[in-house]
C-alpha atoms as a PDB file:
ATOM      1  CA  UNK A   1       6.331 -43.876 -12.192  1.00  0.00           C
ATOM      2  CA  UNK A   2       4.101 -43.204  -9.301  1.00  0.00           C
ATOM      3  CA  UNK A   3       7.104 -43.163  -7.022  1.00  0.00           C
ATOM      4  CA  UNK A   4       8.945 -40.596  -9.041  1.00  0.00           C
ATOM      5  CA  UNK A   5       5.967 -38.343  -9.512  1.00  0.00           C
ATOM      6  CA  UNK A   6       5.832 -38.343  -5.428  1.00  0.00           C
ATOM      7  CA  UNK A   7       9.265 -37.526  -5.282  1.00  0.00           C
ATOM      8  CA  UNK A   8       9.030 -34.817  -7.515  1.00  0.00           C
ATOM      9  CA  UNK A   9       5.801 -33.727  -5.410  1.00  0.00           C
ATOM     10  CA  UNK A  10       7.681 -33.973  -2.041  1.00  0.00           C
ATOM     11  CA  UNK A  11      10.779 -32.134  -3.249  1.00  0.00           C
ATOM     12  CA  UNK A  12       8.560 -29.354  -4.615  1.00  0.00           C
ATOM     13  CA  UNK A  13       6.731 -29.109  -1.507  1.00  0.00           C
ATOM     14  CA  UNK A  14      10.127 -29.035   0.333  1.00  0.00           C
ATOM     15  CA  UNK A  15      11.689 -25.984  -1.572  1.00  0.00           C
ATOM     16  CA  UNK A  16       8.392 -24.022  -1.128  1.00  0.00           C
ATOM     17  CA  UNK A  17       8.821 -24.732   2.471  1.00  0.00           C
ATOM     18  CA  UNK A  18      12.263 -23.896   2.688  1.00  0.00           C
ATOM     19  CA  UNK A  19      11.697 -20.441   0.628  1.00  0.00           C
ATOM     20  CA  UNK A  20       8.802 -19.552   2.884  1.00  0.00           C
ATOM     21  CA  UNK A  21      11.071 -20.215   5.848  1.00  0.00           C
ATOM     22  CA  UNK A  22      13.810 -18.166   4.353  1.00  0.00           C
ATOM     23  CA  UNK A  23      11.303 -14.863   3.981  1.00  0.00           C
ATOM     24  CA  UNK A  24       9.690 -15.349   7.127  1.00  0.00           C
ATOM     25  CA  UNK A  25      12.730 -15.268   8.884  1.00  0.00           C
ATOM     26  CA  UNK A  26      13.495 -11.613   9.147  1.00  0.00           C
ATOM     27  CA  UNK A  27      10.029 -10.931  10.360  1.00  0.00           C
ATOM     28  CA  UNK A  28      10.635 -13.920  12.863  1.00  0.00           C
ATOM     29  CA  UNK A  29      13.654 -12.211  14.261  1.00  0.00           C
ATOM     30  CA  UNK A  30      12.087  -8.722  14.494  1.00  0.00           C
ATOM     31  CA  UNK A  31       8.987  -9.796  16.290  1.00  0.00           C
ATOM     32  CA  UNK A  32      11.398 -11.710  18.825  1.00  0.00           C
ATOM     33  CA  UNK A  33      13.777  -8.565  19.230  1.00  0.00           C
ATOM     34  CA  UNK A  34      10.974  -6.801  20.127  1.00  0.00           C
ATOM     35  CA  UNK A  35       9.700  -9.105  23.133  1.00  0.00           C
ATOM     36  CA  UNK A  36      13.452  -8.225  24.612  1.00  0.00           C
ATOM     37  CA  UNK A  37      15.149  -5.566  26.577  1.00  0.00           C
ATOM     38  CA  UNK A  38      17.813  -3.541  24.975  1.00  0.00           C
ATOM     39  CA  UNK A  39      20.607  -5.087  27.102  1.00  0.00           C
ATOM     40  CA  UNK A  40      19.651  -8.542  26.006  1.00  0.00           C
ATOM     41  CA  UNK A  41      19.498  -7.548  22.337  1.00  0.00           C
ATOM     42  CA  UNK A  42      23.142  -5.958  22.708  1.00  0.00           C
ATOM     43  CA  UNK A  43      24.483  -9.724  23.512  1.00  0.00           C
ATOM     44  CA  UNK A  44      23.458 -11.333  20.307  1.00  0.00           C
ATOM     45  CA  UNK A  45      20.372 -11.602  18.571  1.00  0.00           C
ATOM     46  CA  UNK A  46      17.836 -13.719  20.410  1.00  0.00           C
ATOM     47  CA  UNK A  47      16.106 -16.763  18.542  1.00  0.00           C
ATOM     48  CA  UNK A  48      13.708 -17.180  21.298  1.00  0.00           C
ATOM     49  CA  UNK A  49      10.937 -14.775  22.529  1.00  0.00           C
ATOM     50  CA  UNK A  50      11.423 -12.557  25.789  1.00  0.00           C
ATOM     51  CA  UNK A  51       9.012 -10.966  28.272  1.00  0.00           C
ATOM     52  CA  UNK A  52       9.090  -7.347  27.323  1.00  0.00           C
ATOM     53  CA  UNK A  53       6.646  -7.038  24.560  1.00  0.00           C
ATOM     54  CA  UNK A  54       4.365  -5.325  26.936  1.00  0.00           C
ATOM     55  CA  UNK A  55       6.966  -2.693  28.193  1.00  0.00           C
ATOM     56  CA  UNK A  56       8.142  -2.306  24.805  1.00  0.00           C
ATOM     57  CA  UNK A  57       4.897  -1.338  23.581  1.00  0.00           C
ATOM     58  CA  UNK A  58       3.695   0.764  26.504  1.00  0.00           C
ATOM     59  CA  UNK A  59       7.333   2.848  25.883  1.00  0.00           C
ATOM     60  CA  UNK A  60       6.922   3.514  21.907  1.00  0.00           C
ATOM     61  CA  UNK A  61       3.157   4.562  22.684  1.00  0.00           C
ATOM     62  CA  UNK A  62       4.153   6.650  25.707  1.00  0.00           C
ATOM     63  CA  UNK A  63       7.410   8.611  26.094  1.00  0.00           C
ATOM     64  CA  UNK A  64       8.646   6.915  22.741  1.00  0.00           C
ATOM     65  CA  UNK A  65      12.032   7.252  21.467  1.00  0.00           C
ATOM     66  CA  UNK A  66      13.548  10.609  22.800  1.00  0.00           C
ATOM     67  CA  UNK A  67      13.824  13.407  19.390  1.00  0.00           C
ATOM     68  CA  UNK A  68      11.559  11.594  17.233  1.00  0.00           C
ATOM     69  CA  UNK A  69       8.205  12.075  15.971  1.00  0.00           C
ATOM     70  CA  UNK A  70       5.276  10.899  18.257  1.00  0.00           C
ATOM     71  CA  UNK A  71       4.416   7.129  17.022  1.00  0.00           C
ATOM     72  CA  UNK A  72       0.557   8.046  17.376  1.00  0.00           C
ATOM     73  CA  UNK A  73       1.060  11.161  15.183  1.00  0.00           C
ATOM     74  CA  UNK A  74       2.823   9.228  12.510  1.00  0.00           C
ATOM     75  CA  UNK A  75       0.228   6.341  12.356  1.00  0.00           C
ATOM     76  CA  UNK A  76      -2.678   8.717  12.178  1.00  0.00           C
ATOM     77  CA  UNK A  77      -0.748  10.509   9.303  1.00  0.00           C
ATOM     78  CA  UNK A  78      -0.146   7.300   7.724  1.00  0.00           C
ATOM     79  CA  UNK A  79      -3.375   6.051   7.868  1.00  0.00           C
ATOM     80  CA  UNK A  80      -4.806   9.371   6.602  1.00  0.00           C
ATOM     81  CA  UNK A  81      -2.538   9.229   3.634  1.00  0.00           C
ATOM     82  CA  UNK A  82      -3.199   5.606   2.683  1.00  0.00           C
ATOM     83  CA  UNK A  83      -7.016   5.729   2.899  1.00  0.00           C
ATOM     84  CA  UNK A  84      -6.798   9.148   0.954  1.00  0.00           C
ATOM     85  CA  UNK A  85      -4.498   7.985  -1.674  1.00  0.00           C
ATOM     86  CA  UNK A  86      -6.404   4.541  -2.076  1.00  0.00           C
ATOM     87  CA  UNK A  87     -10.057   6.249  -2.144  1.00  0.00           C
ATOM     88  CA  UNK A  88      -8.810   9.462  -4.540  1.00  0.00           C
ATOM     89  CA  UNK A  89      -7.177   6.938  -6.979  1.00  0.00           C
ATOM     90  CA  UNK A  90     -10.476   5.131  -6.832  1.00  0.00           C
ATOM     91  CA  UNK A  91     -12.427   8.224  -7.617  1.00  0.00           C
ATOM     92  CA  UNK A  92     -10.280   9.574 -10.378  1.00  0.00           C
ATOM     93  CA  UNK A  93      -9.622   6.129 -12.285  1.00  0.00           C
ATOM     94  CA  UNK A  94     -13.164   4.753 -12.366  1.00  0.00           C
ATOM     95  CA  UNK A  95     -14.277   7.694 -14.573  1.00  0.00           C
ATOM     96  CA  UNK A  96     -11.251   7.502 -16.522  1.00  0.00           C
ATOM     97  CA  UNK A  97     -11.680   3.966 -17.517  1.00  0.00           C
ATOM     98  CA  UNK A  98     -15.319   3.867 -17.803  1.00  0.00           C
ATOM     99  CA  UNK A  99     -14.896   6.523 -20.539  1.00  0.00           C
ATOM    100  CA  UNK A 100     -12.139   4.613 -22.595  1.00  0.00           C
ATOM    101  CA  UNK A 101     -14.160   1.338 -22.392  1.00  0.00           C
ATOM    102  CA  UNK A 102     -17.929   2.460 -23.080  1.00  0.00           C
ATOM    103  CA  UNK A 103     -17.633   5.952 -24.609  1.00  0.00           C
ATOM    104  CA  UNK A 104     -16.793   5.987 -28.496  1.00  0.00           C
ATOM    105  CA  UNK A 105     -14.822   8.997 -29.510  1.00  0.00           C
ATOM    106  CA  UNK A 106     -11.881   9.932 -31.817  1.00  0.00           C
ATOM    107  CA  UNK A 107      -8.802   9.583 -30.119  1.00  0.00           C
ATOM    108  CA  UNK A 108     -10.153   6.644 -27.552  1.00  0.00           C
ATOM    109  CA  UNK A 109      -7.277   4.489 -27.872  1.00  0.00           C
ATOM    110  CA  UNK A 110      -4.787   6.595 -27.961  1.00  0.00           C
ATOM    111  CA  UNK A 111      -5.947   8.642 -24.681  1.00  0.00           C
ATOM    112  CA  UNK A 112      -5.480   5.316 -22.820  1.00  0.00           C
ATOM    113  CA  UNK A 113      -2.114   4.628 -24.324  1.00  0.00           C
ATOM    114  CA  UNK A 114      -1.174   7.885 -23.301  1.00  0.00           C
ATOM    115  CA  UNK A 115      -2.246   6.744 -19.621  1.00  0.00           C
ATOM    116  CA  UNK A 116      -0.576   3.249 -19.968  1.00  0.00           C
ATOM    117  CA  UNK A 117       2.642   4.783 -20.935  1.00  0.00           C
ATOM    118  CA  UNK A 118       3.085   6.439 -17.459  1.00  0.00           C
ATOM    119  CA  UNK A 119       3.603   2.920 -16.350  1.00  0.00           C
ATOM    120  CA  UNK A 120       6.898   2.554 -17.743  1.00  0.00           C
ATOM    121  CA  UNK A 121       8.330   6.096 -16.301  1.00  0.00           C
ATOM    122  CA  UNK A 122      10.247   5.179 -12.918  1.00  0.00           C
ATOM    123  CA  UNK A 123       8.369   7.462 -10.312  1.00  0.00           C
ATOM    124  CA  UNK A 124      11.835   8.568  -9.784  1.00  0.00           C
ATOM    125  CA  UNK A 125      11.782  10.601 -12.978  1.00  0.00           C
ATOM    126  CA  UNK A 126       8.575  12.448 -11.577  1.00  0.00           C
ATOM    127  CA  UNK A 127       9.732  13.548  -8.473  1.00  0.00           C
ATOM    128  CA  UNK A 128      11.577  16.477  -9.933  1.00  0.00           C
ATOM    129  CA  UNK A 129       8.310  18.091 -11.554  1.00  0.00           C
ATOM    130  CA  UNK A 130       6.193  16.784  -8.894  1.00  0.00           C
ATOM    131  CA  UNK A 131       8.036  18.810  -6.451  1.00  0.00           C
ATOM    132  CA  UNK A 132       8.437  21.729  -7.837  1.00  0.00           C
ATOM    133  CA  UNK A 133       4.429  22.326  -8.778  1.00  0.00           C
ATOM    134  CA  UNK A 134       3.777  21.087  -5.150  1.00  0.00           C
ATOM    135  CA  UNK A 135       6.191  23.550  -3.506  1.00  0.00           C
ATOM    136  CA  UNK A 136       4.538  26.550  -6.286  1.00  0.00           C
ATOM    137  CA  UNK A 137       1.127  25.898  -4.701  1.00  0.00           C
ATOM    138  CA  UNK A 138       2.336  26.176  -1.554  1.00  0.00           C
ATOM    139  CA  UNK A 139       1.474  22.359  -0.210  1.00  0.00           C
ATOM    140  CA  UNK A 140       5.408  21.476   0.924  1.00  0.00           C
ATOM    141  CA  UNK A 141       4.837  20.122   4.572  1.00  0.00           C
ATOM    142  CA  UNK A 142       1.106  19.767   4.451  1.00  0.00           C
ATOM    143  CA  UNK A 143      -1.353  16.587   4.147  1.00  0.00           C
ATOM    144  CA  UNK A 144      -2.785  17.824   1.149  1.00  0.00           C
ATOM    145  CA  UNK A 145       0.859  17.777  -0.494  1.00  0.00           C
ATOM    146  CA  UNK A 146       1.524  14.382   1.032  1.00  0.00           C
ATOM    147  CA  UNK A 147      -1.441  12.901  -1.138  1.00  0.00           C
ATOM    148  CA  UNK A 148      -2.509  14.993  -4.077  1.00  0.00           C
ATOM    149  CA  UNK A 149       0.152  14.338  -6.020  1.00  0.00           C
ATOM    150  CA  UNK A 150       0.148  10.517  -5.690  1.00  0.00           C
ATOM    151  CA  UNK A 151      -3.916  10.066  -6.878  1.00  0.00           C
ATOM    152  CA  UNK A 152      -3.121   9.108 -10.223  1.00  0.00           C
ATOM    153  CA  UNK A 153      -2.852   5.761 -11.035  1.00  0.00           C
ATOM    154  CA  UNK A 154      -2.375   4.308 -14.296  1.00  0.00           C
ATOM    155  CA  UNK A 155      -2.213   0.757 -12.833  1.00  0.00           C
ATOM    156  CA  UNK A 156      -5.930   1.425 -11.544  1.00  0.00           C
ATOM    157  CA  UNK A 157      -7.151   2.779 -14.810  1.00  0.00           C
ATOM    158  CA  UNK A 158      -5.869  -0.166 -16.635  1.00  0.00           C
ATOM    159  CA  UNK A 159      -7.249  -2.880 -14.398  1.00  0.00           C
ATOM    160  CA  UNK A 160     -10.769  -1.215 -14.270  1.00  0.00           C
ATOM    161  CA  UNK A 161     -10.537  -0.817 -17.816  1.00  0.00           C
ATOM    162  CA  UNK A 162     -10.013  -4.675 -18.202  1.00  0.00           C
ATOM    163  CA  UNK A 163     -12.789  -5.605 -15.676  1.00  0.00           C
ATOM    164  CA  UNK A 164     -15.190  -3.222 -17.654  1.00  0.00           C
ATOM    165  CA  UNK A 165     -14.482  -4.764 -21.175  1.00  0.00           C
ATOM    166  CA  UNK A 166     -16.042  -7.732 -19.775  1.00  0.00           C
ATOM    167  CA  UNK A 167     -19.391  -5.947 -20.093  1.00  0.00           C
ATOM    168  CA  UNK A 168     -21.018  -6.149 -23.538  1.00  0.00           C
ATOM    169  CA  UNK A 169     -21.327  -3.255 -25.249  1.00  0.00           C
ATOM    170  CA  UNK A 170     -24.841  -4.023 -25.950  1.00  0.00           C
ATOM    171  CA  UNK A 171     -25.418  -3.713 -22.525  1.00  0.00           C
ATOM    172  CA  UNK A 172     -24.775  -0.410 -22.438  1.00  0.00           C
ATOM    173  CA  UNK A 173     -26.895   0.278 -25.667  1.00  0.00           C
ATOM    174  CA  UNK A 174     -29.793  -1.523 -24.235  1.00  0.00           C
ATOM    175  CA  UNK A 175     -29.743   0.670 -20.831  1.00  0.00           C
ATOM    176  CA  UNK A 176     -29.201   3.736 -23.694  1.00  0.00           C
ATOM    177  CA  UNK A 177     -32.220   2.590 -25.158  1.00  0.00           C
ATOM    178  CA  UNK A 178     -34.389   2.214 -21.861  1.00  0.00           C
ATOM    179  CA  UNK A 179     -33.578   5.758 -20.954  1.00  0.00           C
ATOM    180  CA  UNK A 180     -30.830   4.793 -18.089  1.00  0.00           C
ATOM    181  CA  UNK A 181     -27.860   7.943 -18.207  1.00  0.00           C
ATOM    182  CA  UNK A 182     -24.330   7.056 -18.158  1.00  0.00           C
ATOM    183  CA  UNK A 183     -23.877   8.014 -15.097  1.00  0.00           C
ATOM    184  CA  UNK A 184     -26.834   6.105 -13.618  1.00  0.00           C
ATOM    185  CA  UNK A 185     -25.575   3.053 -15.493  1.00  0.00           C
ATOM    186  CA  UNK A 186     -22.055   3.158 -14.170  1.00  0.00           C
ATOM    187  CA  UNK A 187     -23.562   3.807 -10.563  1.00  0.00           C
ATOM    188  CA  UNK A 188     -26.243   1.139 -10.388  1.00  0.00           C
ATOM    189  CA  UNK A 189     -24.903  -1.582 -13.183  1.00  0.00           C
ATOM    190  CA  UNK A 190     -21.591  -1.338 -13.303  1.00  0.00           C
ATOM    191  CA  UNK A 191     -19.968  -0.418 -10.147  1.00  0.00           C
ATOM    192  CA  UNK A 192     -22.021  -2.991  -8.353  1.00  0.00           C
ATOM    193  CA  UNK A 193     -20.696  -5.702 -10.582  1.00  0.00           C
ATOM    194  CA  UNK A 194     -17.313  -4.810 -10.287  1.00  0.00           C
ATOM    195  CA  UNK A 195     -16.907  -4.632  -6.563  1.00  0.00           C
ATOM    196  CA  UNK A 196     -14.486  -7.092  -5.959  1.00  0.00           C
ATOM    197  CA  UNK A 197     -11.616  -5.588  -8.810  1.00  0.00           C
ATOM    198  CA  UNK A 198     -12.619  -2.366  -6.876  1.00  0.00           C
ATOM    199  CA  UNK A 199     -11.727  -3.766  -3.432  1.00  0.00           C
ATOM    200  CA  UNK A 200      -8.490  -5.186  -5.057  1.00  0.00           C
ATOM    201  CA  UNK A 201      -7.598  -2.062  -6.127  1.00  0.00           C
ATOM    202  CA  UNK A 202      -8.162  -0.164  -2.887  1.00  0.00           C
ATOM    203  CA  UNK A 203      -6.302  -2.880  -0.951  1.00  0.00           C
ATOM    204  CA  UNK A 204      -3.391  -2.429  -3.286  1.00  0.00           C
ATOM    205  CA  UNK A 205      -3.497   1.120  -3.277  1.00  0.00           C
ATOM    206  CA  UNK A 206      -4.088   1.714   0.455  1.00  0.00           C
ATOM    207  CA  UNK A 207      -0.668  -0.623   0.530  1.00  0.00           C
ATOM    208  CA  UNK A 208       0.834   1.833  -1.594  1.00  0.00           C
ATOM    209  CA  UNK A 209      -0.017   4.745   0.098  1.00  0.00           C
ATOM    210  CA  UNK A 210       1.019   3.227   3.447  1.00  0.00           C
ATOM    211  CA  UNK A 211       4.439   2.149   2.643  1.00  0.00           C
ATOM    212  CA  UNK A 212       5.398   5.798   0.866  1.00  0.00           C
ATOM    213  CA  UNK A 213       8.736   6.713   1.965  1.00  0.00           C
ATOM    214  CA  UNK A 214      10.714   9.015  -0.281  1.00  0.00           C
ATOM    215  CA  UNK A 215       7.584  11.132  -1.329  1.00  0.00           C
ATOM    216  CA  UNK A 216       6.981  11.978   2.311  1.00  0.00           C
ATOM    217  CA  UNK A 217      10.709  12.399   3.162  1.00  0.00           C
ATOM    218  CA  UNK A 218      10.930  15.025   0.364  1.00  0.00           C
ATOM    219  CA  UNK A 219       7.955  17.177   1.298  1.00  0.00           C
ATOM    220  CA  UNK A 220       7.635  16.743   4.973  1.00  0.00           C
ATOM    221  CA  UNK A 221       9.924  18.852   7.103  1.00  0.00           C
ATOM    222  CA  UNK A 222       8.269  18.983  10.395  1.00  0.00           C
ATOM    223  CA  UNK A 223       7.190  16.094  12.912  1.00  0.00           C
ATOM    224  CA  UNK A 224       3.399  16.798  12.856  1.00  0.00           C
ATOM    225  CA  UNK A 225       3.791  15.686   9.135  1.00  0.00           C
ATOM    226  CA  UNK A 226       5.865  12.261   9.602  1.00  0.00           C
ATOM    227  CA  UNK A 227       4.736   9.187   8.765  1.00  0.00           C
ATOM    228  CA  UNK A 228       5.606   6.181   9.839  1.00  0.00           C
ATOM    229  CA  UNK A 229       7.533   4.458   7.446  1.00  0.00           C
ATOM    230  CA  UNK A 230       9.168   7.783   7.022  1.00  0.00           C
ATOM    231  CA  UNK A 231       9.645   8.145  10.752  1.00  0.00           C
ATOM    232  CA  UNK A 232      11.449   4.889  11.213  1.00  0.00           C
ATOM    233  CA  UNK A 233      14.600   6.123   9.818  1.00  0.00           C
ATOM    234  CA  UNK A 234      14.811   8.918  12.316  1.00  0.00           C
ATOM    235  CA  UNK A 235      13.888   6.428  15.244  1.00  0.00           C
ATOM    236  CA  UNK A 236      16.996   4.010  14.157  1.00  0.00           C
ATOM    237  CA  UNK A 237      19.341   7.244  14.153  1.00  0.00           C
ATOM    238  CA  UNK A 238      17.887   8.372  17.498  1.00  0.00           C
ATOM    239  CA  UNK A 239      17.921   4.278  18.967  1.00  0.00           C
ATOM    240  CA  UNK A 240      21.947   4.177  18.075  1.00  0.00           C
ATOM    241  CA  UNK A 241      22.813   7.270  19.785  1.00  0.00           C
ATOM    242  CA  UNK A 242      22.150   5.703  23.362  1.00  0.00           C
ATOM    243  CA  UNK A 243      24.532   3.957  25.576  1.00  0.00           C
ATOM    244  CA  UNK A 244      22.634   0.809  25.059  1.00  0.00           C
ATOM    245  CA  UNK A 245      21.130   1.129  21.314  1.00  0.00           C
ATOM    246  CA  UNK A 246      17.285   0.372  21.422  1.00  0.00           C
ATOM    247  CA  UNK A 247      16.865  -1.974  18.829  1.00  0.00           C
ATOM    248  CA  UNK A 248      13.834  -3.613  20.534  1.00  0.00           C
ATOM    249  CA  UNK A 249      12.258  -0.321  20.290  1.00  0.00           C
ATOM    250  CA  UNK A 250      12.880  -0.278  16.746  1.00  0.00           C
ATOM    251  CA  UNK A 251      11.699  -3.677  15.807  1.00  0.00           C
ATOM    252  CA  UNK A 252       8.419  -3.025  18.059  1.00  0.00           C
ATOM    253  CA  UNK A 253       7.478   0.009  16.313  1.00  0.00           C
ATOM    254  CA  UNK A 254       8.174  -1.759  12.613  1.00  0.00           C
ATOM    255  CA  UNK A 255       6.089  -4.358  13.839  1.00  0.00           C
ATOM    256  CA  UNK A 256       3.327  -1.914  14.775  1.00  0.00           C
ATOM    257  CA  UNK A 257       3.755  -0.279  11.625  1.00  0.00           C
ATOM    258  CA  UNK A 258       3.191  -3.549   9.802  1.00  0.00           C
ATOM    259  CA  UNK A 259      -0.212  -4.150  11.362  1.00  0.00           C
ATOM    260  CA  UNK A 260      -2.869  -1.791   9.912  1.00  0.00           C
ATOM    261  CA  UNK A 261      -1.767  -2.934   6.380  1.00  0.00           C
ATOM    262  CA  UNK A 262      -2.001  -6.465   7.724  1.00  0.00           C
ATOM    263  CA  UNK A 263      -5.312  -5.746   8.902  1.00  0.00           C
ATOM    264  CA  UNK A 264      -6.954  -3.998   5.850  1.00  0.00           C
ATOM    265  CA  UNK A 265      -5.807  -7.451   3.593  1.00  0.00           C
ATOM    266  CA  UNK A 266      -7.009  -9.803   5.784  1.00  0.00           C
ATOM    267  CA  UNK A 267     -10.280  -8.170   6.385  1.00  0.00           C
ATOM    268  CA  UNK A 268     -10.652  -7.738   2.445  1.00  0.00           C
ATOM    269  CA  UNK A 269      -8.925 -11.060   1.082  1.00  0.00           C
ATOM    270  CA  UNK A 270     -11.681 -12.856   0.034  1.00  0.00           C
ATOM    271  CA  UNK A 271     -12.580  -9.765  -2.206  1.00  0.00           C
ATOM    272  CA  UNK A 272      -9.010  -9.136  -3.035  1.00  0.00           C
ATOM    273  CA  UNK A 273      -8.933 -12.620  -4.348  1.00  0.00           C
ATOM    274  CA  UNK A 274     -11.791 -12.425  -6.519  1.00  0.00           C
ATOM    275  CA  UNK A 275     -11.231  -8.935  -7.815  1.00  0.00           C
ATOM    276  CA  UNK A 276      -7.558  -9.880  -8.717  1.00  0.00           C
ATOM    277  CA  UNK A 277      -8.881 -13.275 -10.470  1.00  0.00           C
ATOM    278  CA  UNK A 278     -11.575 -11.107 -12.411  1.00  0.00           C
ATOM    279  CA  UNK A 279      -8.974  -8.792 -13.495  1.00  0.00           C
ATOM    280  CA  UNK A 280      -6.648 -11.522 -14.843  1.00  0.00           C
ATOM    281  CA  UNK A 281      -9.223 -13.090 -16.844  1.00  0.00           C
END
């Protein structure tokens, strides 16, 4: 029996390792290609790292790929968009979740249900009316147009409501008897006790904003507003137009685009895990 249990455990670990290798293989190949020259990549996908990583990074941050937006500009636009989306989503979701959790008013459950129903709508369904409103307001090809239509988040409201529901309503009643108003109760009691879930939502929304592709593609028409995820498509097209396709530069830019969200996740990993666990419980 004990030997059978060991074999099952070993088999599970073997399957997990195999799946991890399959998932990591594309990232590994991208990292390897980024360290080679264009000519060596043209001969076949290399399996071992080369010695051209420094040259490739100098190229993409210097002259870049011709006829494509500057990598520095794209990274700056992506960072501004990701931070703005994450912070504004929190700024809108906190009072919304606070209201439907702690305030007793008619239609409270219906209000939350209407917010929750929006999770069932595919994002593509909202693109046309959102684009029409953005164009009517004159926000096309602006950073405001990139960020503002994305700041409402039913997911953040749902996660915060689940976290706020862990607070006993008697605590709010006691604070009210002590003369603590709703805003002071939120700022000094609720938010400090829910920092892990706030950090988790920030990480999720930062990655959401950083990885946006379709919306920036719709509302941005100039190189100065291009984000790095959107710009990679143009870079791939330009890299293929050379006599020797510059796949090494494409992979180097893709790796650079991965760095900011990875750094955010690593830096906030402890808070992120605690926040998700508190949200689940």
